[in-house]
Amino acid sequence: MPSLDPALVRRVLGRDHSHTDAEREAEYIGSLIGQRLSSWSTERAQTVPPEAHDLVARLSALESPRPSST
């Protein structure tokens, strides 16, 4: 996007708090969740305990739709 001001991009994407333990932990957990989401397939059925149904539904909604194979 050549029309964006580089200073604006740096300001928006800049991270000045990543040195905290909490931020590093959040990034790590986020990367684990992302890896798990990207490895899910609509063909595989996962057993989900009832108490996790809401969480699984919210996390699944983050995954981009897959093109249909038909």
N, C-alpha and C. Protein backbone atom coordinates (compact mmCIF):
# COMPACT_ATOMS: atom_id res chain seq x y z
N MET A 1 0.84 -1.17 0.00
CA MET A 1 0.00 0.00 0.00
C MET A 1 0.89 1.24 0.00
N PRO A 2 1.34 1.60 -1.14
CA PRO A 2 2.27 2.73 -1.23
C PRO A 2 1.69 4.07 -0.80
N SER A 3 0.37 4.18 -0.72
CA SER A 3 -0.22 5.46 -0.36
C SER A 3 -0.20 5.71 1.15
N LEU A 4 0.12 4.69 1.95
CA LEU A 4 0.14 4.87 3.40
C LEU A 4 1.43 5.56 3.84
N ASP A 5 1.29 6.45 4.77
CA ASP A 5 2.44 7.14 5.34
C ASP A 5 3.24 6.16 6.20
N PRO A 6 4.53 5.94 5.92
CA PRO A 6 5.33 5.00 6.70
C PRO A 6 5.36 5.32 8.19
N ALA A 7 5.34 6.59 8.54
CA ALA A 7 5.33 6.96 9.96
C ALA A 7 4.05 6.50 10.64
N LEU A 8 2.94 6.61 9.93
CA LEU A 8 1.66 6.15 10.47
C LEU A 8 1.67 4.64 10.66
N VAL A 9 2.19 3.92 9.68
CA VAL A 9 2.27 2.45 9.79
C VAL A 9 3.12 2.06 10.98
N ARG A 10 4.28 2.70 11.15
CA ARG A 10 5.14 2.38 12.30
C ARG A 10 4.43 2.67 13.62
N ARG A 11 3.70 3.79 13.66
CA ARG A 11 3.00 4.15 14.90
C ARG A 11 1.90 3.16 15.23
N VAL A 12 1.14 2.74 14.20
CA VAL A 12 0.03 1.82 14.43
C VAL A 12 0.54 0.43 14.77
N LEU A 13 1.55 -0.02 14.05
CA LEU A 13 2.06 -1.38 14.26
C LEU A 13 3.15 -1.45 15.32
N GLY A 14 3.64 -0.32 15.75
CA GLY A 14 4.73 -0.31 16.73
C GLY A 14 4.30 -0.94 18.03
N ARG A 15 5.23 -1.66 18.63
CA ARG A 15 4.94 -2.34 19.89
C ARG A 15 5.99 -1.92 20.89
N ASP A 16 5.58 -1.19 21.88
CA ASP A 16 6.56 -0.77 22.88
C ASP A 16 6.35 -1.49 24.21
N HIS A 17 5.46 -2.45 24.25
CA HIS A 17 5.19 -3.15 25.49
C HIS A 17 5.51 -4.64 25.41
N SER A 18 6.17 -5.08 24.36
CA SER A 18 6.42 -6.52 24.18
C SER A 18 7.52 -7.03 25.09
N HIS A 19 8.11 -6.15 25.88
CA HIS A 19 9.17 -6.59 26.78
C HIS A 19 8.62 -7.15 28.09
N THR A 20 7.32 -7.02 28.34
CA THR A 20 6.77 -7.50 29.60
C THR A 20 6.51 -9.01 29.53
N ASP A 21 6.58 -9.65 30.68
CA ASP A 21 6.31 -11.09 30.73
C ASP A 21 4.89 -11.39 30.28
N ALA A 22 3.93 -10.55 30.68
CA ALA A 22 2.54 -10.79 30.30
C ALA A 22 2.37 -10.73 28.79
N GLU A 23 3.01 -9.77 28.12
CA GLU A 23 2.89 -9.65 26.67
C GLU A 23 3.54 -10.84 25.97
N ARG A 24 4.70 -11.26 26.44
CA ARG A 24 5.36 -12.42 25.83
C ARG A 24 4.51 -13.67 26.01
N GLU A 25 3.91 -13.83 27.18
CA GLU A 25 3.04 -14.98 27.42
C GLU A 25 1.82 -14.94 26.52
N ALA A 26 1.22 -13.76 26.38
CA ALA A 26 0.04 -13.63 25.51
C ALA A 26 0.40 -13.94 24.06
N GLU A 27 1.55 -13.48 23.60
CA GLU A 27 1.99 -13.77 22.23
C GLU A 27 2.21 -15.27 22.05
N TYR A 28 2.80 -15.92 23.05
CA TYR A 28 3.05 -17.35 22.97
C TYR A 28 1.74 -18.14 22.90
N ILE A 29 0.81 -17.81 23.78
CA ILE A 29 -0.49 -18.48 23.80
C ILE A 29 -1.21 -18.23 22.48
N GLY A 30 -1.15 -17.00 21.99
CA GLY A 30 -1.78 -16.68 20.71
C GLY A 30 -1.19 -17.50 19.57
N SER A 31 0.12 -17.69 19.59
CA SER A 31 0.73 -18.47 18.52
C SER A 31 0.33 -19.94 18.62
N LEU A 32 0.20 -20.46 19.84
CA LEU A 32 -0.25 -21.84 20.00
C LEU A 32 -1.68 -22.02 19.51
N ILE A 33 -2.53 -21.07 19.85
CA ILE A 33 -3.92 -21.13 19.38
C ILE A 33 -3.96 -21.04 17.86
N GLY A 34 -3.17 -20.14 17.30
CA GLY A 34 -3.12 -19.99 15.85
C GLY A 34 -2.66 -21.26 15.15
N GLN A 35 -1.65 -21.92 15.71
CA GLN A 35 -1.18 -23.18 15.13
C GLN A 35 -2.27 -24.23 15.17
N ARG A 36 -2.96 -24.30 16.28
CA ARG A 36 -4.02 -25.29 16.44
C ARG A 36 -5.17 -25.01 15.47
N LEU A 37 -5.56 -23.75 15.37
CA LEU A 37 -6.65 -23.40 14.46
C LEU A 37 -6.28 -23.72 13.02
N SER A 38 -5.05 -23.44 12.64
CA SER A 38 -4.67 -23.66 11.26
C SER A 38 -4.54 -25.14 10.93
N SER A 39 -4.44 -26.00 11.94
CA SER A 39 -4.32 -27.43 11.67
C SER A 39 -5.68 -28.14 11.73
N TRP A 40 -6.73 -27.42 12.10
CA TRP A 40 -8.06 -28.03 12.14
C TRP A 40 -8.57 -28.24 10.73
N SER A 41 -9.35 -29.24 10.58
CA SER A 41 -9.95 -29.53 9.28
C SER A 41 -11.43 -29.82 9.48
N THR A 42 -12.24 -29.45 8.52
CA THR A 42 -13.66 -29.73 8.63
C THR A 42 -13.94 -31.22 8.53
N GLU A 43 -12.99 -31.97 7.99
CA GLU A 43 -13.19 -33.41 7.85
C GLU A 43 -12.93 -34.16 9.16
N ARG A 44 -12.14 -33.59 10.04
CA ARG A 44 -11.83 -34.26 11.30
C ARG A 44 -12.82 -33.82 12.37
N ALA A 45 -13.34 -34.76 13.10
CA ALA A 45 -14.23 -34.44 14.22
C ALA A 45 -13.41 -34.43 15.50
N GLN A 46 -13.57 -33.40 16.27
CA GLN A 46 -12.88 -33.27 17.55
C GLN A 46 -13.89 -33.46 18.67
N THR A 47 -13.53 -34.24 19.67
CA THR A 47 -14.39 -34.39 20.84
C THR A 47 -14.17 -33.17 21.73
N VAL A 48 -15.23 -32.47 22.00
CA VAL A 48 -15.16 -31.26 22.80
C VAL A 48 -16.02 -31.45 24.04
N PRO A 49 -15.43 -31.25 25.22
CA PRO A 49 -16.25 -31.35 26.43
C PRO A 49 -17.31 -30.26 26.44
N PRO A 50 -18.47 -30.54 27.00
CA PRO A 50 -19.58 -29.56 26.99
C PRO A 50 -19.19 -28.19 27.51
N GLU A 51 -18.34 -28.13 28.52
CA GLU A 51 -17.98 -26.84 29.11
C GLU A 51 -17.09 -26.01 28.18
N ALA A 52 -16.58 -26.59 27.10
CA ALA A 52 -15.71 -25.87 26.17
C ALA A 52 -16.42 -25.52 24.86
N HIS A 53 -17.68 -25.88 24.70
CA HIS A 53 -18.38 -25.63 23.44
C HIS A 53 -18.38 -24.15 23.05
N ASP A 54 -18.66 -23.26 23.98
CA ASP A 54 -18.70 -21.84 23.67
C ASP A 54 -17.33 -21.35 23.22
N LEU A 55 -16.28 -21.72 23.93
CA LEU A 55 -14.93 -21.31 23.56
C LEU A 55 -14.55 -21.84 22.18
N VAL A 56 -14.84 -23.10 21.91
CA VAL A 56 -14.51 -23.69 20.62
C VAL A 56 -15.27 -22.98 19.49
N ALA A 57 -16.51 -22.66 19.74
CA ALA A 57 -17.29 -21.96 18.72
C ALA A 57 -16.69 -20.58 18.42
N ARG A 58 -16.27 -19.85 19.46
CA ARG A 58 -15.68 -18.53 19.26
C ARG A 58 -14.34 -18.62 18.55
N LEU A 59 -13.51 -19.59 18.92
CA LEU A 59 -12.22 -19.75 18.26
C LEU A 59 -12.39 -20.22 16.82
N SER A 60 -13.34 -21.09 16.59
CA SER A 60 -13.59 -21.58 15.23
C SER A 60 -14.05 -20.46 14.31
N ALA A 61 -14.76 -19.50 14.87
CA ALA A 61 -15.22 -18.37 14.06
C ALA A 61 -14.07 -17.51 13.57
N LEU A 62 -12.90 -17.61 14.20
CA LEU A 62 -11.74 -16.84 13.78
C LEU A 62 -11.06 -17.44 12.55
N GLU A 63 -11.30 -18.71 12.31
CA GLU A 63 -10.67 -19.38 11.18
C GLU A 63 -11.32 -18.92 9.89
N SER A 64 -10.50 -18.64 8.86
CA SER A 64 -11.08 -18.23 7.59
C SER A 64 -11.80 -19.39 6.94
N PRO A 65 -12.87 -19.09 6.26
CA PRO A 65 -13.63 -20.16 5.59
C PRO A 65 -12.77 -20.87 4.56
N ARG A 66 -12.91 -22.15 4.50
CA ARG A 66 -12.18 -22.95 3.52
C ARG A 66 -13.02 -23.08 2.26
N PRO A 67 -12.37 -23.06 1.10
CA PRO A 67 -13.14 -23.25 -0.14
C PRO A 67 -13.74 -24.65 -0.16
N SER A 68 -14.93 -24.75 -0.70
CA SER A 68 -15.58 -26.07 -0.74
C SER A 68 -14.88 -26.94 -1.78
N SER A 69 -14.89 -28.23 -1.53
CA SER A 69 -14.20 -29.17 -2.44
C SER A 69 -15.13 -29.68 -3.53
N THR A 70 -16.35 -29.18 -3.57
CA THR A 70 -17.30 -29.63 -4.60
C THR A 70 -17.39 -28.65 -5.72
